[in-house]
Protein backbone atom coordinates (compact mmCIF):
# COMPACT_ATOMS: atom_id res chain seq x y z
CA MET A 1 46.48 6.18 -2.24
CA GLN A 2 46.90 4.18 -5.45
CA LYS A 3 46.81 0.38 -5.20
CA ILE A 4 48.88 -1.87 -7.47
CA GLY A 5 47.10 -4.43 -9.63
CA VAL A 6 48.49 -7.96 -9.90
CA ILE A 7 47.32 -10.71 -12.23
CA VAL A 8 48.46 -14.33 -11.89
CA VAL A 9 48.41 -16.51 -15.02
CA HIS A 10 48.64 -20.30 -14.53
CA GLY A 11 50.46 -22.77 -16.76
CA LEU A 12 49.82 -26.12 -18.42
CA GLY A 13 47.74 -29.03 -17.22
CA LEU A 14 44.87 -29.77 -14.87
CA GLN A 15 44.18 -26.62 -12.90
CA LYS A 16 41.66 -25.68 -10.23
CA LYS A 17 40.12 -22.24 -9.96
CA GLU A 18 41.82 -21.91 -6.57
CA TYR A 19 45.28 -22.58 -8.05
CA ALA A 20 46.67 -19.21 -6.91
CA ALA A 21 45.29 -19.27 -3.33
CA LYS A 22 48.51 -20.39 -1.60
CA PHE A 23 50.64 -18.01 -3.65
CA MET A 24 48.35 -15.11 -2.76
CA LYS A 25 48.60 -15.94 0.94
CA LYS A 26 52.40 -16.10 0.75
CA LEU A 27 52.53 -12.82 -1.15
CA ASP A 28 50.20 -11.16 1.36
CA LYS A 29 52.29 -12.32 4.32
CA THR A 30 55.63 -11.37 2.77
CA PHE A 31 54.48 -7.98 1.46
CA ALA A 32 52.90 -7.13 4.82
CA LYS A 33 56.14 -8.02 6.60
CA ILE A 34 58.19 -5.80 4.28
CA MET A 35 55.77 -2.88 4.66
CA LYS A 36 55.32 -3.53 8.39
CA VAL A 37 51.54 -3.58 8.07
CA PRO A 38 48.88 -6.16 9.06
CA SER A 39 47.84 -7.05 5.52
CA SER A 40 48.65 -6.34 1.87
CA LYS A 41 44.99 -5.79 0.96
CA PRO A 42 45.00 -1.97 1.29
CA TYR A 43 48.05 -1.83 -0.99
CA ILE A 44 47.78 -4.47 -3.72
CA ASP A 45 44.85 -6.18 -5.44
CA ILE A 46 45.38 -9.63 -6.94
CA GLU A 47 43.22 -11.14 -9.68
CA PRO A 48 43.95 -14.74 -10.76
CA VAL A 49 43.42 -15.51 -14.45
CA PHE A 50 41.79 -18.89 -15.05
CA TRP A 51 42.04 -19.97 -18.68
CA ALA A 52 42.06 -23.78 -18.24
CA ASP A 53 38.31 -24.10 -18.74
CA VAL A 54 38.67 -22.81 -22.31
CA PHE A 55 40.02 -26.26 -23.21
CA GLY A 56 39.03 -28.37 -20.21
CA LYS A 57 35.71 -29.83 -21.34
CA GLU A 58 36.95 -30.86 -24.77
CA GLU A 59 40.19 -32.29 -23.36
CA GLU A 60 38.19 -34.42 -20.93
CA ARG A 61 35.86 -35.54 -23.74
CA ILE A 62 38.82 -36.59 -25.87
CA TYR A 63 40.32 -38.48 -22.93
CA GLN A 64 37.06 -40.32 -22.14
CA ASP A 65 36.07 -41.09 -25.75
CA LEU A 66 39.47 -41.96 -27.21
CA VAL A 67 41.38 -43.33 -24.22
CA ILE A 68 38.94 -44.80 -21.69
CA LYS A 69 36.22 -46.08 -24.04
CA LYS A 70 38.75 -47.46 -26.54
CA GLY A 71 40.80 -49.15 -23.81
CA LEU A 72 44.10 -47.54 -24.78
CA ARG A 73 47.09 -48.44 -22.61
CA TYR A 74 49.11 -46.11 -20.36
CA LYS A 75 45.97 -44.23 -19.31
CA GLU A 76 47.62 -41.96 -16.77
CA LEU A 77 50.45 -41.04 -19.14
CA ARG A 78 47.91 -40.33 -21.87
CA ARG A 79 45.86 -38.22 -19.45
CA TYR A 80 48.98 -36.20 -18.72
CA LEU A 81 49.67 -35.74 -22.44
CA VAL A 82 46.08 -34.81 -23.26
CA TYR A 83 45.93 -32.09 -20.62
CA TYR A 84 49.48 -30.78 -21.04
CA LEU A 85 50.24 -31.19 -24.72
CA ALA A 86 46.72 -30.31 -25.82
CA ASP A 87 46.88 -26.97 -23.97
CA ALA A 88 49.92 -25.95 -26.00
CA VAL A 89 48.50 -27.19 -29.30
CA ALA A 90 45.00 -25.78 -28.80
CA TYR A 91 46.32 -22.33 -27.88
CA GLN A 92 48.08 -21.86 -31.23
CA PRO A 93 46.64 -18.89 -33.17
CA VAL A 94 44.81 -19.65 -36.41
CA ASP A 95 43.70 -17.49 -39.33
CA THR A 96 39.98 -17.44 -38.50
CA ASN A 97 38.50 -15.30 -35.74
CA GLY A 98 36.86 -16.51 -32.56
CA GLN A 99 39.31 -19.30 -31.88
CA ASN A 100 41.00 -20.48 -28.69
CA TYR A 101 43.84 -17.96 -28.91
CA ASP A 102 41.36 -15.11 -28.50
CA ALA A 103 39.27 -17.04 -25.97
CA VAL A 104 42.30 -17.52 -23.72
CA HIS A 105 43.29 -13.86 -24.07
CA GLN A 106 39.75 -12.87 -23.16
CA THR A 107 40.30 -14.36 -19.68
CA ILE A 108 43.19 -11.92 -19.18
CA SER A 109 41.09 -9.05 -20.46
CA ASN A 110 38.32 -10.00 -18.03
CA ALA A 111 40.80 -9.97 -15.15
CA LEU A 112 42.16 -6.56 -16.14
CA HIS A 113 38.64 -5.19 -16.32
CA SER A 114 37.91 -6.44 -12.79
CA LEU A 115 41.06 -4.75 -11.52
CA SER A 116 40.31 -1.54 -13.40
CA MET A 117 36.84 -1.38 -11.84
CA ARG A 118 38.19 -1.94 -8.33
CA ILE A 119 41.42 0.08 -8.21
CA GLY A 120 41.25 2.55 -11.08
CA LYS A 121 42.03 2.78 -14.77
CA THR A 122 45.62 3.95 -14.35
CA ALA A 123 46.76 1.55 -11.62
CA PRO A 124 50.22 0.07 -12.26
CA LEU A 125 50.10 -3.57 -13.30
CA CYS A 126 52.28 -6.49 -12.24
CA VAL A 127 52.03 -9.83 -14.08
CA VAL A 128 53.05 -13.13 -12.47
CA SER A 129 52.93 -15.96 -15.00
CA HIS A 130 53.93 -19.62 -14.93
CA SER A 131 54.94 -22.03 -17.72
CA LEU A 132 52.67 -21.66 -20.77
CA GLY A 133 51.00 -18.82 -18.87
CA SER A 134 54.13 -16.75 -19.50
CA VAL A 135 53.75 -17.33 -23.23
CA ILE A 136 50.06 -16.43 -23.07
CA ALA A 137 50.68 -13.25 -21.08
CA SER A 138 53.58 -12.26 -23.33
CA ASN A 139 51.45 -12.77 -26.45
CA PHE A 140 48.58 -10.80 -24.94
CA PHE A 141 50.71 -7.75 -24.24
CA TYR A 142 52.68 -8.15 -27.47
CA ASP A 143 49.46 -7.90 -29.47
CA LEU A 144 48.57 -4.72 -27.60
CA GLN A 145 52.02 -3.18 -27.91
CA PHE A 146 53.15 -4.07 -31.41
CA THR A 147 50.57 -5.57 -33.76
CA ALA A 148 47.93 -3.97 -35.91
CA ARG A 149 45.68 -6.86 -34.89
CA HIS A 150 45.05 -5.32 -31.43
CA PHE A 151 43.08 -7.78 -29.31
CA PRO A 152 39.36 -6.98 -29.76
CA GLY A 153 38.23 -8.21 -26.34
CA ILE A 154 39.08 -5.14 -24.25
CA ILE A 155 35.95 -4.42 -22.23
CA ASP A 156 36.55 -0.75 -21.38
CA THR A 157 38.66 0.80 -24.13
CA THR A 158 39.01 4.03 -22.11
CA SER A 159 41.04 2.21 -19.42
CA PRO A 160 44.83 2.36 -19.82
CA LEU A 161 45.06 -0.62 -17.47
CA GLU A 162 42.86 -2.73 -19.75
CA ARG A 163 44.80 -1.56 -22.80
CA GLY A 164 47.97 -2.91 -21.18
CA GLU A 165 49.48 0.55 -20.93
CA THR A 166 50.13 0.47 -17.17
CA LEU A 167 52.27 -2.69 -17.33
CA THR A 168 55.27 -2.07 -15.08
CA HIS A 169 56.41 -5.51 -13.83
CA PHE A 170 56.47 -8.94 -15.46
CA TYR A 171 57.61 -12.13 -13.69
CA SER A 172 57.94 -15.34 -15.71
CA LEU A 173 58.28 -18.59 -13.76
CA GLY A 174 59.48 -21.78 -15.46
CA THR A 175 58.69 -20.35 -18.88
CA THR A 176 58.62 -22.19 -22.20
CA LEU A 177 58.91 -18.90 -24.08
CA PRO A 178 62.26 -19.74 -25.76
CA LEU A 179 60.63 -22.76 -27.42
CA TRP A 180 57.71 -20.68 -28.67
CA SER A 181 60.06 -18.01 -30.01
CA LEU A 182 61.34 -20.59 -32.52
CA ARG A 183 58.19 -19.87 -34.54
CA TYR A 184 60.06 -16.79 -35.77
CA ARG A 185 63.38 -16.94 -37.62
CA ASP A 186 64.71 -14.02 -35.60
CA PHE A 187 63.04 -15.21 -32.36
CA GLY A 188 60.51 -12.39 -32.58
CA LYS A 189 60.35 -9.26 -30.47
CA PRO A 190 60.00 -9.32 -26.68
CA ILE A 191 57.42 -7.15 -24.96
CA ARG A 192 58.42 -3.87 -23.34
CA VAL A 193 58.44 -3.86 -19.55
CA PRO A 194 57.58 -1.26 -18.44
CA SER A 195 55.44 -0.34 -21.43
CA LEU A 196 56.13 3.02 -23.07
CA GLU A 197 52.84 4.34 -21.71
CA GLY A 198 53.68 2.99 -18.26
CA GLU A 199 56.94 4.91 -18.26
CA ALA A 200 55.02 8.06 -19.16
CA LEU A 201 52.39 7.52 -16.47
CA TYR A 202 54.96 6.78 -13.77
CA PRO A 203 58.23 8.47 -14.82
CA GLY A 204 61.20 7.25 -12.86
CA LEU A 205 59.52 4.04 -11.70
CA ASP A 206 61.97 1.13 -11.75
CA GLY A 207 59.90 -1.57 -13.44
CA GLU A 208 61.31 -4.93 -14.48
CA TRP A 209 60.93 -8.23 -16.30
CA VAL A 210 62.53 -10.95 -14.19
CA ASN A 211 62.62 -14.61 -15.21
CA PHE A 212 62.96 -17.52 -12.77
CA TYR A 213 64.08 -21.00 -13.82
CA ASP A 214 65.34 -24.24 -12.27
CA LYS A 215 68.01 -26.29 -14.04
CA ASP A 216 66.06 -29.44 -13.23
CA ASP A 217 62.90 -28.06 -14.85
CA ILE A 218 62.74 -29.31 -18.45
CA LEU A 219 59.98 -26.78 -19.22
CA GLY A 220 61.72 -23.76 -17.71
CA TYR A 221 64.48 -21.82 -19.46
CA PRO A 222 66.54 -18.64 -19.14
CA LEU A 223 65.56 -15.82 -21.50
CA ARG A 224 68.38 -13.29 -21.75
CA ASP A 225 70.53 -15.55 -23.95
CA ILE A 226 67.87 -16.00 -26.65
CA ASP A 227 69.18 -12.97 -28.54
CA PRO A 228 70.27 -9.34 -27.87
CA ALA A 229 66.66 -8.10 -27.85
CA TYR A 230 65.74 -10.42 -24.97
CA GLU A 231 68.97 -9.56 -23.16
CA GLU A 232 67.88 -5.94 -23.17
CA ALA A 233 64.22 -6.63 -22.33
CA VAL A 234 64.74 -9.06 -19.44
CA LYS A 235 66.44 -7.52 -16.43
CA GLU A 236 67.55 -10.79 -14.87
CA ASP A 237 67.42 -14.59 -15.21
CA ILE A 238 67.42 -16.09 -11.72
CA ASP A 239 68.48 -19.71 -11.30
CA LEU A 240 66.64 -21.33 -8.37
CA ASN A 241 66.17 -24.75 -6.82
CA VAL A 242 62.39 -24.94 -6.41
CA GLY A 243 60.13 -27.71 -5.17
CA ASN A 244 60.07 -29.97 -2.12
CA PRO A 245 62.44 -32.85 -1.17
CA LEU A 246 60.60 -35.17 -3.56
CA THR A 247 60.62 -32.82 -6.55
CA SER A 248 63.45 -30.30 -6.19
CA TRP A 249 65.99 -32.57 -7.92
CA ASN A 250 63.88 -33.66 -10.91
CA PRO A 251 61.54 -32.27 -13.61
CA PHE A 252 58.55 -32.39 -11.26
CA CYS A 253 59.94 -29.22 -9.69
CA HIS A 254 58.11 -27.36 -12.48
CA ASN A 255 55.11 -26.72 -10.23
CA GLY A 256 57.18 -25.38 -7.34
CA TYR A 257 57.84 -21.77 -8.36
CA MET A 258 54.82 -20.11 -6.78
CA LYS A 259 55.60 -21.80 -3.47
CA ASP A 260 59.23 -20.73 -3.45
CA ARG A 261 60.25 -18.22 -0.79
CA LYS A 262 62.80 -16.43 -3.01
CA VAL A 263 60.30 -15.95 -5.82
CA VAL A 264 57.68 -14.52 -3.49
CA ARG A 265 60.24 -12.31 -1.77
CA ARG A 266 61.55 -10.79 -5.01
CA ILE A 267 58.05 -9.99 -6.22
CA SER A 268 57.01 -8.62 -2.82
CA ASP A 269 60.10 -6.42 -2.53
CA ASN A 270 59.41 -4.77 -5.85
CA LEU A 271 55.70 -4.38 -5.22
CA ALA A 272 56.52 -2.63 -1.95
CA ALA A 273 59.07 -0.37 -3.65
CA THR A 274 56.56 0.42 -6.39
CA TYR A 275 53.82 1.25 -3.92
CA ARG A 276 56.12 3.59 -1.99
CA PHE A 277 57.25 5.30 -5.20
CA ILE A 278 53.84 5.98 -6.74
CA ASN A 279 52.39 7.14 -3.41
CA ALA A 280 55.43 9.13 -2.31
CA GLU A 281 53.67 12.52 -2.33
CA GLN A 282 50.83 11.26 -0.16
CA THR A 283 53.16 9.52 2.29
CA GLY A 284 55.59 12.45 2.43
CA ASN A 285 58.56 10.37 1.27
CA LYS A 286 59.17 12.15 -2.01
């Protein structure tokens, strides 16, 4: 039986390595309920991507040396700006090699390699990405799908999973991608979901790119209205009210997507459908 690989890519700001723990528990519980099984572990394998430490030490050094030691005012606001704004600025690609853009993408490549080693080189891949993480994940797969620059950090080049070729599902939560697309006069080209190779590996599989946003979230936007290319690439923009009673009505809702029941349910439903489809011959349901 073929497992499904899932990577989770976090967004801006101060992050802990355990940032995805609650989301993974919710996904496990919901998926298991849909499949009527005790646990999701025999069916899906989740690997969180942690890229915050690429910038974390230098961001903290800047905060301590330039804000604390110099006695600048509005310390907490500046701390917020250093860790949020600096992530976006530092991630920008530059002309020279070995910069932060590649270092961040290497964390995704490392996660894909871990999945490939555990569940096989041709396992279908689902990406769950939040905020700037959606931009990072989109750029990673875009480089693999469309550019001659192909990311050099693939660990096992014989693995279709690590080459991004088994990408079948992409979920963007509170994404800033429309703002990043302004770098290009024509808004650029969206990634293919499923990838062409994914369609060939699993013909007939109903993959999807679904985007979730909250109207109160100033960092989250719909995608299909960017231009006709995004309208075709993104299956659905889903407007939600995420967050708790203190945050659901204001911009602080931005961190509420991975805790939202509807988000977890949509992802779980499609993971369950995907698992049934790719294992139909073994289960006798084909």
